[in-house]
Every structure is written in C-alpha cells, then in structure tokens.
PDB file of all heavy atoms in Angstrom:
ATOM      1  N   LYS A   1       0.815  -1.215   0.000  1.00  0.00           N
ATOM      2  CA  LYS A   1       0.000   0.000   0.000  1.00  0.00           C
ATOM      3  C   LYS A   1       0.853   1.271   0.000  1.00  0.00           C
ATOM      4  O   LYS A   1       0.313   2.367   0.102  1.00  0.00           O
ATOM      5  CB  LYS A   1      -0.917   0.018   1.238  1.00  0.00           C
ATOM      6  CG  LYS A   1      -1.967  -1.080   1.275  1.00  0.00           C
ATOM      7  CD  LYS A   1      -3.070  -0.820   0.269  1.00  0.00           C
ATOM      8  CE  LYS A   1      -4.197  -1.833   0.401  1.00  0.00           C
ATOM      9  NZ  LYS A   1      -5.279  -1.588  -0.583  1.00  0.00           N
ATOM     10  N   LEU A   2       2.171   1.108  -0.097  1.00  0.00           N
ATOM     11  CA  LEU A   2       3.040   2.281   0.024  1.00  0.00           C
ATOM     12  C   LEU A   2       2.826   3.260  -1.122  1.00  0.00           C
ATOM     13  O   LEU A   2       2.724   4.474  -0.898  1.00  0.00           O
ATOM     14  CB  LEU A   2       4.505   1.851   0.077  1.00  0.00           C
ATOM     15  CG  LEU A   2       5.528   2.990   0.178  1.00  0.00           C
ATOM     16  CD1 LEU A   2       5.277   3.840   1.416  1.00  0.00           C
ATOM     17  CD2 LEU A   2       6.953   2.444   0.195  1.00  0.00           C
ATOM     18  N   THR A   3       2.750   2.779  -2.343  1.00  0.00           N
ATOM     19  CA  THR A   3       2.550   3.685  -3.480  1.00  0.00           C
ATOM     20  C   THR A   3       1.230   4.431  -3.349  1.00  0.00           C
ATOM     21  O   THR A   3       1.167   5.648  -3.587  1.00  0.00           O
ATOM     22  CB  THR A   3       2.591   2.897  -4.806  1.00  0.00           C
ATOM     23  OG1 THR A   3       3.869   2.275  -4.939  1.00  0.00           O
ATOM     24  CG2 THR A   3       2.365   3.826  -5.993  1.00  0.00           C
ATOM     25  N   GLY A   4       0.177   3.709  -2.957  1.00  0.00           N
ATOM     26  CA  GLY A   4      -1.125   4.357  -2.758  1.00  0.00           C
ATOM     27  C   GLY A   4      -1.060   5.427  -1.694  1.00  0.00           C
ATOM     28  O   GLY A   4      -1.647   6.507  -1.844  1.00  0.00           O
ATOM     29  N   TYR A   5      -0.343   5.154  -0.603  1.00  0.00           N
ATOM     30  CA  TYR A   5      -0.197   6.141   0.464  1.00  0.00           C
ATOM     31  C   TYR A   5       0.556   7.369  -0.037  1.00  0.00           C
ATOM     32  O   TYR A   5       0.169   8.508   0.236  1.00  0.00           O
ATOM     33  CB  TYR A   5       0.542   5.523   1.648  1.00  0.00           C
ATOM     34  CG  TYR A   5       0.852   6.505   2.755  1.00  0.00           C
ATOM     35  CD1 TYR A   5      -0.127   6.840   3.685  1.00  0.00           C
ATOM     36  CD2 TYR A   5       2.100   7.117   2.858  1.00  0.00           C
ATOM     37  CE1 TYR A   5       0.147   7.753   4.704  1.00  0.00           C
ATOM     38  CE2 TYR A   5       2.373   8.025   3.861  1.00  0.00           C
ATOM     39  CZ  TYR A   5       1.398   8.336   4.783  1.00  0.00           C
ATOM     40  OH  TYR A   5       1.659   9.244   5.775  1.00  0.00           O
ATOM     41  N   ARG A   6       1.636   7.145  -0.776  1.00  0.00           N
ATOM     42  CA  ARG A   6       2.417   8.280  -1.289  1.00  0.00           C
ATOM     43  C   ARG A   6       1.583   9.137  -2.229  1.00  0.00           C
ATOM     44  O   ARG A   6       1.705  10.378  -2.241  1.00  0.00           O
ATOM     45  CB  ARG A   6       3.680   7.767  -1.975  1.00  0.00           C
ATOM     46  CG  ARG A   6       4.707   7.244  -0.986  1.00  0.00           C
ATOM     47  CD  ARG A   6       5.750   6.350  -1.643  1.00  0.00           C
ATOM     48  NE  ARG A   6       6.554   7.052  -2.625  1.00  0.00           N
ATOM     49  CZ  ARG A   6       7.434   6.463  -3.416  1.00  0.00           C
ATOM     50  NH1 ARG A   6       7.614   5.144  -3.345  1.00  0.00           N
ATOM     51  NH2 ARG A   6       8.127   7.177  -4.292  1.00  0.00           N
ATOM     52  N   GLU A   7       0.730   8.527  -3.014  1.00  0.00           N
ATOM     53  CA  GLU A   7      -0.172   9.299  -3.878  1.00  0.00           C
ATOM     54  C   GLU A   7      -1.115  10.158  -3.041  1.00  0.00           C
ATOM     55  O   GLU A   7      -1.389  11.311  -3.382  1.00  0.00           O
ATOM     56  CB  GLU A   7      -0.966   8.362  -4.774  1.00  0.00           C
ATOM     57  CG  GLU A   7      -0.141   7.714  -5.880  1.00  0.00           C
ATOM     58  CD  GLU A   7      -0.962   6.816  -6.783  1.00  0.00           C
ATOM     59  OE1 GLU A   7      -2.175   6.660  -6.521  1.00  0.00           O
ATOM     60  OE2 GLU A   7      -0.394   6.259  -7.746  1.00  0.00           O
ATOM     61  N   LEU A   8      -1.621   9.603  -1.932  1.00  0.00           N
ATOM     62  CA  LEU A   8      -2.511  10.372  -1.063  1.00  0.00           C
ATOM     63  C   LEU A   8      -1.773  11.558  -0.442  1.00  0.00           C
ATOM     64  O   LEU A   8      -2.332  12.658  -0.329  1.00  0.00           O
ATOM     65  CB  LEU A   8      -3.096   9.476   0.028  1.00  0.00           C
ATOM     66  CG  LEU A   8      -4.039   8.367  -0.441  1.00  0.00           C
ATOM     67  CD1 LEU A   8      -4.475   7.497   0.733  1.00  0.00           C
ATOM     68  CD2 LEU A   8      -5.259   8.933  -1.152  1.00  0.00           C
ATOM     69  N   VAL A   9      -0.521  11.352  -0.028  1.00  0.00           N
ATOM     70  CA  VAL A   9       0.280  12.465   0.499  1.00  0.00           C
ATOM     71  C   VAL A   9       0.447  13.543  -0.569  1.00  0.00           C
ATOM     72  O   VAL A   9       0.278  14.741  -0.304  1.00  0.00           O
ATOM     73  CB  VAL A   9       1.658  11.968   0.986  1.00  0.00           C
ATOM     74  CG1 VAL A   9       2.556  13.164   1.343  1.00  0.00           C
ATOM     75  CG2 VAL A   9       1.510  11.055   2.192  1.00  0.00           C
ATOM     76  N   ASN A  10       0.745  13.121  -1.799  1.00  0.00           N
ATOM     77  CA  ASN A  10       0.933  14.084  -2.882  1.00  0.00           C
ATOM     78  C   ASN A  10      -0.325  14.899  -3.146  1.00  0.00           C
ATOM     79  O   ASN A  10      -0.252  16.046  -3.587  1.00  0.00           O
ATOM     80  CB  ASN A  10       1.353  13.369  -4.162  1.00  0.00           C
ATOM     81  CG  ASN A  10       2.745  12.774  -4.081  1.00  0.00           C
ATOM     82  OD1 ASN A  10       3.462  12.989  -3.105  1.00  0.00           O
ATOM     83  ND2 ASN A  10       3.130  12.022  -5.081  1.00  0.00           N
ATOM     84  N   ARG A  11      -1.478  14.295  -2.891  1.00  0.00           N
ATOM     85  CA  ARG A  11      -2.760  14.988  -3.133  1.00  0.00           C
ATOM     86  C   ARG A  11      -3.296  15.691  -1.893  1.00  0.00           C
ATOM     87  O   ARG A  11      -4.401  16.235  -1.916  1.00  0.00           O
ATOM     88  CB  ARG A  11      -3.795  13.967  -3.612  1.00  0.00           C
ATOM     89  CG  ARG A  11      -3.496  13.353  -4.970  1.00  0.00           C
ATOM     90  CD  ARG A  11      -4.451  12.208  -5.268  1.00  0.00           C
ATOM     91  NE  ARG A  11      -5.838  12.613  -5.119  1.00  0.00           N
ATOM     92  CZ  ARG A  11      -6.837  11.764  -4.874  1.00  0.00           C
ATOM     93  NH1 ARG A  11      -6.608  10.475  -4.746  1.00  0.00           N
ATOM     94  NH2 ARG A  11      -8.081  12.216  -4.760  1.00  0.00           N
ATOM     95  N   SER A  12      -2.526  15.694  -0.810  1.00  0.00           N
ATOM     96  CA  SER A  12      -3.071  16.144   0.477  1.00  0.00           C
ATOM     97  C   SER A  12      -3.373  17.631   0.537  1.00  0.00           C
ATOM     98  O   SER A  12      -3.977  18.103   1.500  1.00  0.00           O
ATOM     99  CB  SER A  12      -2.118  15.769   1.616  1.00  0.00           C
ATOM    100  OG  SER A  12      -0.848  16.385   1.448  1.00  0.00           O
ATOM    101  N   THR A  13      -2.958  18.396  -0.477  1.00  0.00           N
ATOM    102  CA  THR A  13      -3.340  19.811  -0.517  1.00  0.00           C
ATOM    103  C   THR A  13      -4.739  20.001  -1.107  1.00  0.00           C
ATOM    104  O   THR A  13      -5.261  21.108  -1.099  1.00  0.00           O
ATOM    105  CB  THR A  13      -2.321  20.621  -1.337  1.00  0.00           C
ATOM    106  OG1 THR A  13      -2.238  20.063  -2.654  1.00  0.00           O
ATOM    107  CG2 THR A  13      -0.950  20.579  -0.699  1.00  0.00           C
ATOM    108  N   GLU A  14      -5.312  18.926  -1.667  1.00  0.00           N
ATOM    109  CA  GLU A  14      -6.664  19.004  -2.229  1.00  0.00           C
ATOM    110  C   GLU A  14      -7.698  19.069  -1.100  1.00  0.00           C
ATOM    111  O   GLU A  14      -7.424  18.731   0.045  1.00  0.00           O
ATOM    112  CB  GLU A  14      -6.985  17.756  -3.069  1.00  0.00           C
ATOM    113  CG  GLU A  14      -6.129  17.545  -4.286  1.00  0.00           C
ATOM    114  CD  GLU A  14      -6.483  16.238  -4.994  1.00  0.00           C
ATOM    115  OE1 GLU A  14      -7.552  15.661  -4.689  1.00  0.00           O
ATOM    116  OE2 GLU A  14      -5.683  15.793  -5.830  1.00  0.00           O
ATOM    117  N   SER A  15      -8.906  19.461  -1.452  1.00  0.00           N
ATOM    118  CA  SER A  15     -10.050  19.351  -0.533  1.00  0.00           C
ATOM    119  C   SER A  15     -11.208  18.783  -1.344  1.00  0.00           C
ATOM    120  O   SER A  15     -12.143  19.489  -1.707  1.00  0.00           O
ATOM    121  CB  SER A  15     -10.413  20.707   0.062  1.00  0.00           C
ATOM    122  OG  SER A  15      -9.421  21.138   0.966  1.00  0.00           O
ATOM    123  N   THR A  16     -11.124  17.487  -1.633  1.00  0.00           N
ATOM    124  CA  THR A  16     -12.150  16.854  -2.458  1.00  0.00           C
ATOM    125  C   THR A  16     -12.774  15.685  -1.713  1.00  0.00           C
ATOM    126  O   THR A  16     -12.100  15.020  -0.915  1.00  0.00           O
ATOM    127  CB  THR A  16     -11.554  16.337  -3.784  1.00  0.00           C
ATOM    128  OG1 THR A  16     -10.589  15.310  -3.492  1.00  0.00           O
ATOM    129  CG2 THR A  16     -10.878  17.461  -4.549  1.00  0.00           C
ATOM    130  N   PRO A  17     -14.043  15.393  -1.982  1.00  0.00           N
ATOM    131  CA  PRO A  17     -14.672  14.222  -1.349  1.00  0.00           C
ATOM    132  C   PRO A  17     -13.967  12.919  -1.706  1.00  0.00           C
ATOM    133  O   PRO A  17     -13.889  12.010  -0.880  1.00  0.00           O
ATOM    134  CB  PRO A  17     -16.108  14.252  -1.911  1.00  0.00           C
ATOM    135  CG  PRO A  17     -16.335  15.656  -2.362  1.00  0.00           C
ATOM    136  CD  PRO A  17     -15.002  16.164  -2.807  1.00  0.00           C
ATOM    137  N   GLU A  18     -13.435  12.830  -2.937  1.00  0.00           N
ATOM    138  CA  GLU A  18     -12.753  11.604  -3.349  1.00  0.00           C
ATOM    139  C   GLU A  18     -11.510  11.354  -2.490  1.00  0.00           C
ATOM    140  O   GLU A  18     -11.274  10.226  -2.040  1.00  0.00           O
ATOM    141  CB  GLU A  18     -12.341  11.700  -4.824  1.00  0.00           C
ATOM    142  CG  GLU A  18     -13.492  11.731  -5.815  1.00  0.00           C
ATOM    143  CD  GLU A  18     -14.157  13.098  -5.923  1.00  0.00           C
ATOM    144  OE1 GLU A  18     -13.593  14.095  -5.435  1.00  0.00           O
ATOM    145  OE2 GLU A  18     -15.260  13.167  -6.491  1.00  0.00           O
ATOM    146  N   LEU A  19     -10.728  12.403  -2.258  1.00  0.00           N
ATOM    147  CA  LEU A  19      -9.534  12.253  -1.430  1.00  0.00           C
ATOM    148  C   LEU A  19      -9.921  11.867  -0.008  1.00  0.00           C
ATOM    149  O   LEU A  19      -9.324  10.966   0.593  1.00  0.00           O
ATOM    150  CB  LEU A  19      -8.736  13.554  -1.422  1.00  0.00           C
ATOM    151  CG  LEU A  19      -7.524  13.555  -0.483  1.00  0.00           C
ATOM    152  CD1 LEU A  19      -6.484  12.538  -0.927  1.00  0.00           C
ATOM    153  CD2 LEU A  19      -6.909  14.948  -0.388  1.00  0.00           C
ATOM    154  N   GLU A  20     -10.919  12.542   0.536  1.00  0.00           N
ATOM    155  CA  GLU A  20     -11.356  12.244   1.901  1.00  0.00           C
ATOM    156  C   GLU A  20     -11.758  10.775   2.039  1.00  0.00           C
ATOM    157  O   GLU A  20     -11.356  10.083   2.985  1.00  0.00           O
ATOM    158  CB  GLU A  20     -12.539  13.146   2.270  1.00  0.00           C
ATOM    159  CG  GLU A  20     -13.010  12.985   3.699  1.00  0.00           C
ATOM    160  CD  GLU A  20     -14.214  13.860   4.021  1.00  0.00           C
ATOM    161  OE1 GLU A  20     -14.639  14.660   3.160  1.00  0.00           O
ATOM    162  OE2 GLU A  20     -14.743  13.734   5.138  1.00  0.00           O
ATOM    163  N   ALA A  21     -12.517  10.266   1.077  1.00  0.00           N
ATOM    164  CA  ALA A  21     -12.973   8.875   1.132  1.00  0.00           C
ATOM    165  C   ALA A  21     -11.796   7.904   1.041  1.00  0.00           C
ATOM    166  O   ALA A  21     -11.757   6.884   1.755  1.00  0.00           O
ATOM    167  CB  ALA A  21     -13.971   8.610   0.008  1.00  0.00           C
ATOM    168  N   GLN A  22     -10.821   8.203   0.187  1.00  0.00           N
ATOM    169  CA  GLN A  22      -9.679   7.299   0.017  1.00  0.00           C
ATOM    170  C   GLN A  22      -8.775   7.290   1.248  1.00  0.00           C
ATOM    171  O   GLN A  22      -8.252   6.236   1.641  1.00  0.00           O
ATOM    172  CB  GLN A  22      -8.891   7.702  -1.232  1.00  0.00           C
ATOM    173  CG  GLN A  22      -9.637   7.390  -2.519  1.00  0.00           C
ATOM    174  CD  GLN A  22      -9.033   8.083  -3.732  1.00  0.00           C
ATOM    175  OE1 GLN A  22      -7.989   8.727  -3.645  1.00  0.00           O
ATOM    176  NE2 GLN A  22      -9.681   7.968  -4.874  1.00  0.00           N
ATOM    177  N   VAL A  23      -8.600   8.459   1.878  1.00  0.00           N
ATOM    178  CA  VAL A  23      -7.783   8.516   3.096  1.00  0.00           C
ATOM    179  C   VAL A  23      -8.493   7.783   4.234  1.00  0.00           C
ATOM    180  O   VAL A  23      -7.863   7.056   5.009  1.00  0.00           O
ATOM    181  CB  VAL A  23      -7.484   9.983   3.480  1.00  0.00           C
ATOM    182  CG1 VAL A  23      -6.807  10.058   4.839  1.00  0.00           C
ATOM    183  CG2 VAL A  23      -6.600  10.632   2.432  1.00  0.00           C
ATOM    184  N   GLU A  24      -9.806   7.954   4.338  1.00  0.00           N
ATOM    185  CA  GLU A  24     -10.558   7.247   5.377  1.00  0.00           C
ATOM    186  C   GLU A  24     -10.497   5.733   5.177  1.00  0.00           C
ATOM    187  O   GLU A  24     -10.447   4.965   6.147  1.00  0.00           O
ATOM    188  CB  GLU A  24     -12.009   7.723   5.400  1.00  0.00           C
ATOM    189  CG  GLU A  24     -12.220   9.128   5.919  1.00  0.00           C
ATOM    190  CD  GLU A  24     -12.042   9.252   7.428  1.00  0.00           C
ATOM    191  OE1 GLU A  24     -11.857   8.226   8.102  1.00  0.00           O
ATOM    192  OE2 GLU A  24     -12.081  10.397   7.933  1.00  0.00           O
ATOM    193  N   GLU A  25     -10.486   5.294   3.930  1.00  0.00           N
ATOM    194  CA  GLU A  25     -10.373   3.856   3.665  1.00  0.00           C
ATOM    195  C   GLU A  25      -9.033   3.328   4.181  1.00  0.00           C
ATOM    196  O   GLU A  25      -8.979   2.272   4.833  1.00  0.00           O
ATOM    197  CB  GLU A  25     -10.499   3.581   2.168  1.00  0.00           C
ATOM    198  CG  GLU A  25     -10.375   2.100   1.820  1.00  0.00           C
ATOM    199  CD  GLU A  25     -10.429   1.839   0.324  1.00  0.00           C
ATOM    200  OE1 GLU A  25     -10.444   2.796  -0.464  1.00  0.00           O
ATOM    201  OE2 GLU A  25     -10.444   0.648  -0.047  1.00  0.00           O
ATOM    202  N   MET A  26      -7.950   4.048   3.910  1.00  0.00           N
ATOM    203  CA  MET A  26      -6.648   3.605   4.396  1.00  0.00           C
ATOM    204  C   MET A  26      -6.605   3.668   5.918  1.00  0.00           C
ATOM    205  O   MET A  26      -6.013   2.800   6.578  1.00  0.00           O
ATOM    206  CB  MET A  26      -5.543   4.454   3.777  1.00  0.00           C
ATOM    207  CG  MET A  26      -4.152   3.922   4.079  1.00  0.00           C
ATOM    208  SD  MET A  26      -2.884   4.498   2.922  1.00  0.00           S
ATOM    209  CE  MET A  26      -3.189   3.447   1.503  1.00  0.00           C
TER     210      MET A  26
END
C-alpha cells in the first residue's frame, strides 16, 4: 500500500470528497 499512500500524500493539498474517502479507507 506504500505507493497508494504516497499518492494520497501528494494529493493532500486538495479538498475533495474523493480524497477524503480514500484517506478514510486507508
């Protein structure tokens, strides 16, 4: 899951429902 986590970090400046849902899943 490391690559997926790094992608979430890269997107962490966003404020989107999609990002929120993916971070909550992890």
